Amino acid sequence: MMRGKPGYEHLNEPLHVLVEAELPVEIVDSRLMQAREILEDLLKPVDESRDFFKKQQLRELAMLNGTLRGGRWLLWEGDM
C-alpha cells in the first residue's frame, strides 16, 4: 500500500471529516445533523456490486482519462 510513502502521511491519521457551514444559526444545527447522517451512511462498508458512489467515481474517472466506453459504464435503474 501507500502508507509510509512520501505524500501519503495522511493515511497514518485517524479517519476524519471537516464540515463547515455558513448558514443562519437557526438552520445550521439541523443541516449539520443531515450532513452527519449522510456521511455516516457513506462510511459504512457496502457490497461493491451495490456501491453507487464508487460506480459514479469510476465513471467520472474514466471520463477524465478518456477511457469511458458507452455500454460498459451505463448505470441501470437497479444500480441506483
C-alpha atoms as a PDB file:
ATOM      1  CA  MET A   1       0.000   0.000   0.000  1.00  0.00           C
ATOM      2  CA  MET A   2       0.938   3.648   0.007  1.00  0.00           C
ATOM      3  CA  ARG A   3       1.119   4.062   3.791  1.00  0.00           C
ATOM      4  CA  GLY A   4       4.513   5.352   4.888  1.00  0.00           C
ATOM      5  CA  LYS A   5       5.477   6.694   1.474  1.00  0.00           C
ATOM      6  CA  PRO A   6       6.178  10.398   0.909  1.00  0.00           C
ATOM      7  CA  GLY A   7       2.999  12.324   0.153  1.00  0.00           C
ATOM      8  CA  TYR A   8       0.768   9.756   1.871  1.00  0.00           C
ATOM      9  CA  GLU A   9       1.435  10.709   5.500  1.00  0.00           C
ATOM     10  CA  HIS A  10      -2.279  11.485   5.928  1.00  0.00           C
ATOM     11  CA  LEU A  11      -3.003   7.743   5.785  1.00  0.00           C
ATOM     12  CA  ASN A  12      -1.479   7.445   9.264  1.00  0.00           C
ATOM     13  CA  GLU A  13      -4.088   9.825  10.730  1.00  0.00           C
ATOM     14  CA  PRO A  14      -7.439   8.656  12.100  1.00  0.00           C
ATOM     15  CA  LEU A  15     -10.286   8.990   9.601  1.00  0.00           C
ATOM     16  CA  HIS A  16     -11.869  12.411   9.965  1.00  0.00           C
ATOM     17  CA  VAL A  17     -14.164  14.779   8.118  1.00  0.00           C
ATOM     18  CA  LEU A  18     -14.341  18.551   8.499  1.00  0.00           C
ATOM     19  CA  VAL A  19     -17.766  20.022   7.832  1.00  0.00           C
ATOM     20  CA  GLU A  20     -18.232  23.785   7.740  1.00  0.00           C
ATOM     21  CA  ALA A  21     -21.454  25.695   7.304  1.00  0.00           C
ATOM     22  CA  GLU A  22     -22.164  29.321   6.550  1.00  0.00           C
ATOM     23  CA  LEU A  23     -25.839  29.438   7.426  1.00  0.00           C
ATOM     24  CA  PRO A  24     -28.022  31.301   9.888  1.00  0.00           C
ATOM     25  CA  VAL A  25     -27.820  29.912  13.428  1.00  0.00           C
ATOM     26  CA  GLU A  26     -31.427  28.678  13.356  1.00  0.00           C
ATOM     27  CA  ILE A  27     -30.626  26.452  10.334  1.00  0.00           C
ATOM     28  CA  VAL A  28     -27.066  25.278  10.929  1.00  0.00           C
ATOM     29  CA  ASP A  29     -27.757  22.594  13.579  1.00  0.00           C
ATOM     30  CA  SER A  30     -30.345  20.734  11.520  1.00  0.00           C
ATOM     31  CA  ARG A  31     -28.193  20.932   8.376  1.00  0.00           C
ATOM     32  CA  LEU A  32     -25.130  19.651  10.221  1.00  0.00           C
ATOM     33  CA  MET A  33     -27.172  16.725  11.565  1.00  0.00           C
ATOM     34  CA  GLN A  34     -28.297  15.941   7.995  1.00  0.00           C
ATOM     35  CA  ALA A  35     -24.674  16.087   6.837  1.00  0.00           C
ATOM     36  CA  ARG A  36     -23.633  13.781   9.677  1.00  0.00           C
ATOM     37  CA  GLU A  37     -26.279  11.209   8.721  1.00  0.00           C
ATOM     38  CA  ILE A  38     -25.208  11.290   5.074  1.00  0.00           C
ATOM     39  CA  LEU A  39     -21.527  10.941   5.975  1.00  0.00           C
ATOM     40  CA  GLU A  40     -22.218   8.060   8.362  1.00  0.00           C
ATOM     41  CA  ASP A  41     -24.052   6.238   5.563  1.00  0.00           C
ATOM     42  CA  LEU A  42     -21.161   6.851   3.176  1.00  0.00           C
ATOM     43  CA  LEU A  43     -18.647   5.444   5.669  1.00  0.00           C
ATOM     44  CA  LYS A  44     -20.484   2.138   6.144  1.00  0.00           C
ATOM     45  CA  PRO A  45     -18.977  -0.766   4.214  1.00  0.00           C
ATOM     46  CA  VAL A  46     -21.077  -1.656   1.163  1.00  0.00           C
ATOM     47  CA  ASP A  47     -21.024  -4.660  -1.158  1.00  0.00           C
ATOM     48  CA  GLU A  48     -19.085  -3.372  -4.166  1.00  0.00           C
ATOM     49  CA  SER A  49     -21.763  -4.576  -6.578  1.00  0.00           C
ATOM     50  CA  ARG A  50     -24.249  -2.180  -4.908  1.00  0.00           C
ATOM     51  CA  ASP A  51     -21.862   0.759  -4.315  1.00  0.00           C
ATOM     52  CA  PHE A  52     -23.472   3.532  -6.379  1.00  0.00           C
ATOM     53  CA  PHE A  53     -20.961   6.187  -5.271  1.00  0.00           C
ATOM     54  CA  LYS A  54     -17.972   4.056  -6.266  1.00  0.00           C
ATOM     55  CA  LYS A  55     -19.554   3.361  -9.653  1.00  0.00           C
ATOM     56  CA  GLN A  56     -20.086   7.082 -10.206  1.00  0.00           C
ATOM     57  CA  GLN A  57     -16.499   7.883  -9.185  1.00  0.00           C
ATOM     58  CA  LEU A  58     -15.119   5.231 -11.541  1.00  0.00           C
ATOM     59  CA  ARG A  59     -17.315   6.536 -14.351  1.00  0.00           C
ATOM     60  CA  GLU A  60     -16.110  10.112 -13.779  1.00  0.00           C
ATOM     61  CA  LEU A  61     -12.500   8.918 -13.658  1.00  0.00           C
ATOM     62  CA  ALA A  62     -12.963   7.059 -16.942  1.00  0.00           C
ATOM     63  CA  MET A  63     -14.416  10.236 -18.465  1.00  0.00           C
ATOM     64  CA  LEU A  64     -11.428  12.273 -17.276  1.00  0.00           C
ATOM     65  CA  ASN A  65      -8.975   9.669 -18.558  1.00  0.00           C
ATOM     66  CA  GLY A  66     -10.760   9.363 -21.898  1.00  0.00           C
ATOM     67  CA  THR A  67     -11.410   5.653 -21.351  1.00  0.00           C
ATOM     68  CA  LEU A  68     -15.194   5.802 -20.968  1.00  0.00           C
ATOM     69  CA  ARG A  69     -16.897   3.194 -23.131  1.00  0.00           C
ATOM     70  CA  GLY A  70     -20.638   3.668 -23.621  1.00  0.00           C
ATOM     71  CA  GLY A  71     -22.192   0.303 -22.798  1.00  0.00           C
ATOM     72  CA  ARG A  72     -19.619  -0.698 -20.241  1.00  0.00           C
ATOM     73  CA  TRP A  73     -20.353   2.200 -17.895  1.00  0.00           C
ATOM     74  CA  LEU A  74     -24.094   2.505 -18.294  1.00  0.00           C
ATOM     75  CA  LEU A  75     -25.848   2.526 -14.944  1.00  0.00           C
ATOM     76  CA  TRP A  76     -29.034   0.527 -14.827  1.00  0.00           C
ATOM     77  CA  GLU A  77     -32.015   1.666 -12.807  1.00  0.00           C
ATOM     78  CA  GLY A  78     -31.346  -1.112 -10.276  1.00  0.00           C
ATOM     79  CA  ASP A  79     -27.832   0.221  -9.638  1.00  0.00           C
ATOM     80  CA  MET A  80     -29.103   3.458  -8.152  1.00  0.00           C
END
